[in-house]
Amino acid sequence: MAGFKLKNHSGASKRFKRSGSGKWMRRQAKMRHILTSKAPRVKARLGKSAVVSKEDAGSLSRLLPYK
């Protein structure tokens, strides 16, 4: 008899991806609005992906079991 399948958390699957080495990646905050007062180098840095902290990676692995 077959077991049941877990579902990915749809909200988390839109926001987090795995890197090639298996780390969880996320987007940076503070890039939605009021961009005219931010320096270009700040906007360039915030546009890149960031690694999720190791404290939050465990809960992400439960939310996204198949990613």
PDB file of N, CA and C in Angstrom:
ATOM      1  N   MET A   1       0.838  -1.178   0.000  1.00  0.00           N
ATOM      2  CA  MET A   1       0.000   0.000   0.000  1.00  0.00           C
ATOM      3  C   MET A   1       0.884   1.242   0.000  1.00  0.00           C
ATOM      4  N   ALA A   2       0.550   2.173  -0.851  1.00  0.00           N
ATOM      5  CA  ALA A   2       1.373   3.371  -1.007  1.00  0.00           C
ATOM      6  C   ALA A   2       1.091   4.379   0.103  1.00  0.00           C
ATOM      7  N   GLY A   3       2.123   5.102   0.502  1.00  0.00           N
ATOM      8  CA  GLY A   3       1.958   6.152   1.505  1.00  0.00           C
ATOM      9  C   GLY A   3       1.442   7.427   0.854  1.00  0.00           C
ATOM     10  N   PHE A   4       1.381   8.467   1.628  1.00  0.00           N
ATOM     11  CA  PHE A   4       0.884   9.722   1.094  1.00  0.00           C
ATOM     12  C   PHE A   4       2.053  10.609   0.688  1.00  0.00           C
ATOM     13  N   LYS A   5       1.779  11.561  -0.178  1.00  0.00           N
ATOM     14  CA  LYS A   5       2.793  12.506  -0.622  1.00  0.00           C
ATOM     15  C   LYS A   5       2.669  13.803   0.165  1.00  0.00           C
ATOM     16  N   LEU A   6       3.808  14.377   0.511  1.00  0.00           N
ATOM     17  CA  LEU A   6       3.815  15.685   1.143  1.00  0.00           C
ATOM     18  C   LEU A   6       3.670  16.754   0.078  1.00  0.00           C
ATOM     19  N   LYS A   7       3.141  17.897   0.458  1.00  0.00           N
ATOM     20  CA  LYS A   7       3.008  19.002  -0.477  1.00  0.00           C
ATOM     21  C   LYS A   7       4.018  20.083  -0.129  1.00  0.00           C
ATOM     22  N   ASN A   8       4.547  20.726  -1.167  1.00  0.00           N
ATOM     23  CA  ASN A   8       5.369  21.904  -0.944  1.00  0.00           C
ATOM     24  C   ASN A   8       4.489  23.046  -0.463  1.00  0.00           C
ATOM     25  N   HIS A   9       5.048  23.931   0.347  1.00  0.00           N
ATOM     26  CA  HIS A   9       4.353  25.139   0.768  1.00  0.00           C
ATOM     27  C   HIS A   9       4.407  26.112  -0.403  1.00  0.00           C
ATOM     28  N   SER A  10       3.246  26.460  -0.960  1.00  0.00           N
ATOM     29  CA  SER A  10       3.231  27.225  -2.206  1.00  0.00           C
ATOM     30  C   SER A  10       3.796  28.624  -2.024  1.00  0.00           C
ATOM     31  N   GLY A  11       3.582  29.228  -0.848  1.00  0.00           N
ATOM     32  CA  GLY A  11       4.148  30.550  -0.608  1.00  0.00           C
ATOM     33  C   GLY A  11       5.656  30.512  -0.508  1.00  0.00           C
ATOM     34  N   ALA A  12       6.186  29.489   0.149  1.00  0.00           N
ATOM     35  CA  ALA A  12       7.640  29.378   0.301  1.00  0.00           C
ATOM     36  C   ALA A  12       8.305  28.974  -1.002  1.00  0.00           C
ATOM     37  N   SER A  13       7.633  28.184  -1.825  1.00  0.00           N
ATOM     38  CA  SER A  13       8.259  27.744  -3.076  1.00  0.00           C
ATOM     39  C   SER A  13       8.412  28.889  -4.067  1.00  0.00           C
ATOM     40  N   LYS A  14       7.598  29.930  -3.923  1.00  0.00           N
ATOM     41  CA  LYS A  14       7.755  31.099  -4.783  1.00  0.00           C
ATOM     42  C   LYS A  14       8.894  31.995  -4.326  1.00  0.00           C
ATOM     43  N   ARG A  15       9.299  31.887  -3.079  1.00  0.00           N
ATOM     44  CA  ARG A  15      10.269  32.820  -2.507  1.00  0.00           C
ATOM     45  C   ARG A  15      11.655  32.244  -2.306  1.00  0.00           C
ATOM     46  N   PHE A  16      11.809  30.934  -2.258  1.00  0.00           N
ATOM     47  CA  PHE A  16      13.101  30.329  -1.957  1.00  0.00           C
ATOM     48  C   PHE A  16      13.460  29.304  -3.016  1.00  0.00           C
ATOM     49  N   LYS A  17      14.753  29.259  -3.369  1.00  0.00           N
ATOM     50  CA  LYS A  17      15.259  28.285  -4.335  1.00  0.00           C
ATOM     51  C   LYS A  17      16.517  27.655  -3.762  1.00  0.00           C
ATOM     52  N   ARG A  18      16.874  26.508  -4.270  1.00  0.00           N
ATOM     53  CA  ARG A  18      18.117  25.859  -3.878  1.00  0.00           C
ATOM     54  C   ARG A  18      19.232  26.311  -4.811  1.00  0.00           C
ATOM     55  N   SER A  19      20.412  26.489  -4.265  1.00  0.00           N
ATOM     56  CA  SER A  19      21.569  26.791  -5.094  1.00  0.00           C
ATOM     57  C   SER A  19      22.141  25.474  -5.619  1.00  0.00           C
ATOM     58  N   GLY A  20      23.161  25.568  -6.433  1.00  0.00           N
ATOM     59  CA  GLY A  20      23.775  24.362  -6.976  1.00  0.00           C
ATOM     60  C   GLY A  20      24.420  23.512  -5.913  1.00  0.00           C
ATOM     61  N   SER A  21      24.888  24.157  -4.834  1.00  0.00           N
ATOM     62  CA  SER A  21      25.527  23.402  -3.754  1.00  0.00           C
ATOM     63  C   SER A  21      24.526  22.932  -2.709  1.00  0.00           C
ATOM     64  N   GLY A  22      23.249  23.255  -2.877  1.00  0.00           N
ATOM     65  CA  GLY A  22      22.225  22.775  -1.960  1.00  0.00           C
ATOM     66  C   GLY A  22      21.815  23.759  -0.891  1.00  0.00           C
ATOM     67  N   LYS A  23      22.366  24.970  -0.896  1.00  0.00           N
ATOM     68  CA  LYS A  23      21.977  25.964   0.100  1.00  0.00           C
ATOM     69  C   LYS A  23      20.675  26.631  -0.338  1.00  0.00           C
ATOM     70  N   TRP A  24      19.914  27.108   0.640  1.00  0.00           N
ATOM     71  CA  TRP A  24      18.681  27.839   0.345  1.00  0.00           C
ATOM     72  C   TRP A  24      19.031  29.285   0.030  1.00  0.00           C
ATOM     73  N   MET A  25      18.453  29.816  -1.052  1.00  0.00           N
ATOM     74  CA  MET A  25      18.702  31.183  -1.478  1.00  0.00           C
ATOM     75  C   MET A  25      17.412  31.980  -1.347  1.00  0.00           C
ATOM     76  N   ARG A  26      17.562  33.279  -1.075  1.00  0.00           N
ATOM     77  CA  ARG A  26      16.415  34.170  -0.907  1.00  0.00           C
ATOM     78  C   ARG A  26      16.732  35.497  -1.566  1.00  0.00           C
ATOM     79  N   ARG A  27      15.699  36.329  -1.718  1.00  0.00           N
ATOM     80  CA  ARG A  27      15.878  37.677  -2.242  1.00  0.00           C
ATOM     81  C   ARG A  27      16.181  38.629  -1.101  1.00  0.00           C
ATOM     82  N   GLN A  28      16.809  39.748  -1.424  1.00  0.00           N
ATOM     83  CA  GLN A  28      17.104  40.753  -0.410  1.00  0.00           C
ATOM     84  C   GLN A  28      15.872  41.629  -0.175  1.00  0.00           C
ATOM     85  N   ALA A  29      15.774  42.186   0.993  1.00  0.00           N
ATOM     86  CA  ALA A  29      14.697  43.114   1.320  1.00  0.00           C
ATOM     87  C   ALA A  29      15.070  44.529   0.870  1.00  0.00           C
ATOM     88  N   LYS A  30      14.121  45.442   0.978  1.00  0.00           N
ATOM     89  CA  LYS A  30      14.294  46.880   0.709  1.00  0.00           C
ATOM     90  C   LYS A  30      14.553  47.200  -0.758  1.00  0.00           C
ATOM     91  N   MET A  31      13.968  46.426  -1.673  1.00  0.00           N
ATOM     92  CA  MET A  31      14.108  46.728  -3.096  1.00  0.00           C
ATOM     93  C   MET A  31      12.753  46.911  -3.770  1.00  0.00           C
ATOM     94  N   ARG A  32      11.708  47.214  -3.020  1.00  0.00           N
ATOM     95  CA  ARG A  32      10.372  47.321  -3.597  1.00  0.00           C
ATOM     96  C   ARG A  32      10.009  48.747  -3.985  1.00  0.00           C
ATOM     97  N   HIS A  33      10.345  49.717  -3.162  1.00  0.00           N
ATOM     98  CA  HIS A  33       9.971  51.096  -3.440  1.00  0.00           C
ATOM     99  C   HIS A  33      10.980  52.012  -2.771  1.00  0.00           C
ATOM    100  N   ILE A  34      10.838  53.321  -3.000  1.00  0.00           N
ATOM    101  CA  ILE A  34      11.757  54.367  -2.523  1.00  0.00           C
ATOM    102  C   ILE A  34      13.182  54.049  -2.973  1.00  0.00           C
ATOM    103  N   LEU A  35      13.331  53.766  -4.255  1.00  0.00           N
ATOM    104  CA  LEU A  35      14.645  53.421  -4.791  1.00  0.00           C
ATOM    105  C   LEU A  35      15.434  54.648  -5.220  1.00  0.00           C
ATOM    106  N   THR A  36      14.765  55.803  -5.358  1.00  0.00           N
ATOM    107  CA  THR A  36      15.480  56.990  -5.819  1.00  0.00           C
ATOM    108  C   THR A  36      16.442  57.514  -4.763  1.00  0.00           C
ATOM    109  N   SER A  37      16.160  57.250  -3.495  1.00  0.00           N
ATOM    110  CA  SER A  37      17.049  57.734  -2.443  1.00  0.00           C
ATOM    111  C   SER A  37      18.156  56.750  -2.100  1.00  0.00           C
ATOM    112  N   LYS A  38      18.214  55.614  -2.776  1.00  0.00           N
ATOM    113  CA  LYS A  38      19.262  54.634  -2.506  1.00  0.00           C
ATOM    114  C   LYS A  38      20.386  54.798  -3.527  1.00  0.00           C
ATOM    115  N   ALA A  39      21.593  54.611  -3.077  1.00  0.00           N
ATOM    116  CA  ALA A  39      22.761  54.730  -3.948  1.00  0.00           C
ATOM    117  C   ALA A  39      22.787  53.580  -4.951  1.00  0.00           C
ATOM    118  N   PRO A  40      23.361  53.789  -6.131  1.00  0.00           N
ATOM    119  CA  PRO A  40      23.409  52.708  -7.127  1.00  0.00           C
ATOM    120  C   PRO A  40      24.146  51.471  -6.646  1.00  0.00           C
ATOM    121  N   ARG A  41      25.192  51.651  -5.854  1.00  0.00           N
ATOM    122  CA  ARG A  41      25.913  50.464  -5.374  1.00  0.00           C
ATOM    123  C   ARG A  41      25.090  49.682  -4.358  1.00  0.00           C
ATOM    124  N   VAL A  42      24.232  50.374  -3.602  1.00  0.00           N
ATOM    125  CA  VAL A  42      23.344  49.690  -2.662  1.00  0.00           C
ATOM    126  C   VAL A  42      22.304  48.896  -3.428  1.00  0.00           C
ATOM    127  N   LYS A  43      21.754  49.492  -4.481  1.00  0.00           N
ATOM    128  CA  LYS A  43      20.745  48.785  -5.275  1.00  0.00           C
ATOM    129  C   LYS A  43      21.354  47.591  -5.998  1.00  0.00           C
ATOM    130  N   ALA A  44      22.590  47.700  -6.417  1.00  0.00           N
ATOM    131  CA  ALA A  44      23.256  46.574  -7.072  1.00  0.00           C
ATOM    132  C   ALA A  44      23.473  45.434  -6.084  1.00  0.00           C
ATOM    133  N   ARG A  45      23.840  45.781  -4.865  1.00  0.00           N
ATOM    134  CA  ARG A  45      24.059  44.740  -3.856  1.00  0.00           C
ATOM    135  C   ARG A  45      22.749  44.085  -3.448  1.00  0.00           C
ATOM    136  N   LEU A  46      21.690  44.889  -3.305  1.00  0.00           N
ATOM    137  CA  LEU A  46      20.405  44.341  -2.880  1.00  0.00           C
ATOM    138  C   LEU A  46      19.722  43.540  -3.985  1.00  0.00           C
ATOM    139  N   GLY A  47      20.121  43.727  -5.220  1.00  0.00           N
ATOM    140  CA  GLY A  47      19.515  42.978  -6.309  1.00  0.00           C
ATOM    141  C   GLY A  47      19.979  41.546  -6.395  1.00  0.00           C
ATOM    142  N   LYS A  48      21.049  41.209  -5.704  1.00  0.00           N
ATOM    143  CA  LYS A  48      21.591  39.850  -5.762  1.00  0.00           C
ATOM    144  C   LYS A  48      20.907  38.957  -4.735  1.00  0.00           C
ATOM    145  N   SER A  49      21.020  37.668  -4.933  1.00  0.00           N
ATOM    146  CA  SER A  49      20.444  36.710  -4.001  1.00  0.00           C
ATOM    147  C   SER A  49      21.325  36.586  -2.775  1.00  0.00           C
ATOM    148  N   ALA A  50      20.723  36.149  -1.687  1.00  0.00           N
ATOM    149  CA  ALA A  50      21.441  35.950  -0.432  1.00  0.00           C
ATOM    150  C   ALA A  50      21.156  34.541   0.070  1.00  0.00           C
ATOM    151  N   VAL A  51      22.046  34.043   0.905  1.00  0.00           N
ATOM    152  CA  VAL A  51      21.902  32.710   1.478  1.00  0.00           C
ATOM    153  C   VAL A  51      21.039  32.808   2.732  1.00  0.00           C
ATOM    154  N   VAL A  52      20.125  31.879   2.893  1.00  0.00           N
ATOM    155  CA  VAL A  52      19.282  31.822   4.081  1.00  0.00           C
ATOM    156  C   VAL A  52      20.143  31.387   5.259  1.00  0.00           C
ATOM    157  N   SER A  53      19.895  31.953   6.428  1.00  0.00           N
ATOM    158  CA  SER A  53      20.680  31.599   7.603  1.00  0.00           C
ATOM    159  C   SER A  53      20.454  30.135   7.963  1.00  0.00           C
ATOM    160  N   LYS A  54      21.461  29.550   8.603  1.00  0.00           N
ATOM    161  CA  LYS A  54      21.372  28.121   8.909  1.00  0.00           C
ATOM    162  C   LYS A  54      20.280  27.826   9.933  1.00  0.00           C
ATOM    163  N   GLU A  55      19.906  28.826  10.746  1.00  0.00           N
ATOM    164  CA  GLU A  55      18.819  28.630  11.704  1.00  0.00           C
ATOM    165  C   GLU A  55      17.481  28.461  11.000  1.00  0.00           C
ATOM    166  N   ASP A  56      17.289  29.142   9.866  1.00  0.00           N
ATOM    167  CA  ASP A  56      16.027  29.057   9.131  1.00  0.00           C
ATOM    168  C   ASP A  56      16.023  27.965   8.076  1.00  0.00           C
ATOM    169  N   ALA A  57      17.176  27.405   7.755  1.00  0.00           N
ATOM    170  CA  ALA A  57      17.240  26.414   6.690  1.00  0.00           C
ATOM    171  C   ALA A  57      16.507  25.132   7.061  1.00  0.00           C
ATOM    172  N   GLY A  58      16.509  24.769   8.323  1.00  0.00           N
ATOM    173  CA  GLY A  58      15.817  23.550   8.728  1.00  0.00           C
ATOM    174  C   GLY A  58      14.320  23.640   8.553  1.00  0.00           C
ATOM    175  N   SER A  59      13.745  24.791   8.901  1.00  0.00           N
ATOM    176  CA  SER A  59      12.304  24.933   8.730  1.00  0.00           C
ATOM    177  C   SER A  59      11.939  25.024   7.258  1.00  0.00           C
ATOM    178  N   LEU A  60      12.845  25.560   6.432  1.00  0.00           N
ATOM    179  CA  LEU A  60      12.575  25.596   4.990  1.00  0.00           C
ATOM    180  C   LEU A  60      12.587  24.203   4.395  1.00  0.00           C
ATOM    181  N   SER A  61      13.440  23.345   4.907  1.00  0.00           N
ATOM    182  CA  SER A  61      13.472  21.978   4.399  1.00  0.00           C
ATOM    183  C   SER A  61      12.189  21.230   4.720  1.00  0.00           C
ATOM    184  N   ARG A  62      11.535  21.611   5.823  1.00  0.00           N
ATOM    185  CA  ARG A  62      10.230  20.997   6.121  1.00  0.00           C
ATOM    186  C   ARG A  62       9.125  21.581   5.253  1.00  0.00           C
ATOM    187  N   LEU A  63       9.220  22.884   4.952  1.00  0.00           N
ATOM    188  CA  LEU A  63       8.194  23.510   4.120  1.00  0.00           C
ATOM    189  C   LEU A  63       8.292  23.057   2.671  1.00  0.00           C
ATOM    190  N   LEU A  64       9.507  22.780   2.211  1.00  0.00           N
ATOM    191  CA  LEU A  64       9.734  22.419   0.813  1.00  0.00           C
ATOM    192  C   LEU A  64      10.446  21.074   0.730  1.00  0.00           C
ATOM    193  N   PRO A  65       9.741  19.974   0.953  1.00  0.00           N
ATOM    194  CA  PRO A  65      10.428  18.685   1.015  1.00  0.00           C
ATOM    195  C   PRO A  65      10.942  18.187  -0.331  1.00  0.00           C
ATOM    196  N   TYR A  66      10.405  18.661  -1.427  1.00  0.00           N
ATOM    197  CA  TYR A  66      10.789  18.154  -2.745  1.00  0.00           C
ATOM    198  C   TYR A  66      11.584  19.132  -3.564  1.00  0.00           C
ATOM    199  N   LYS A  67      12.115  20.186  -2.961  1.00  0.00           N
ATOM    200  CA  LYS A  67      12.908  21.171  -3.710  1.00  0.00           C
ATOM    201  C   LYS A  67      14.360  20.994  -3.410  1.00  0.00           C
TER     202      LYS A  67
END
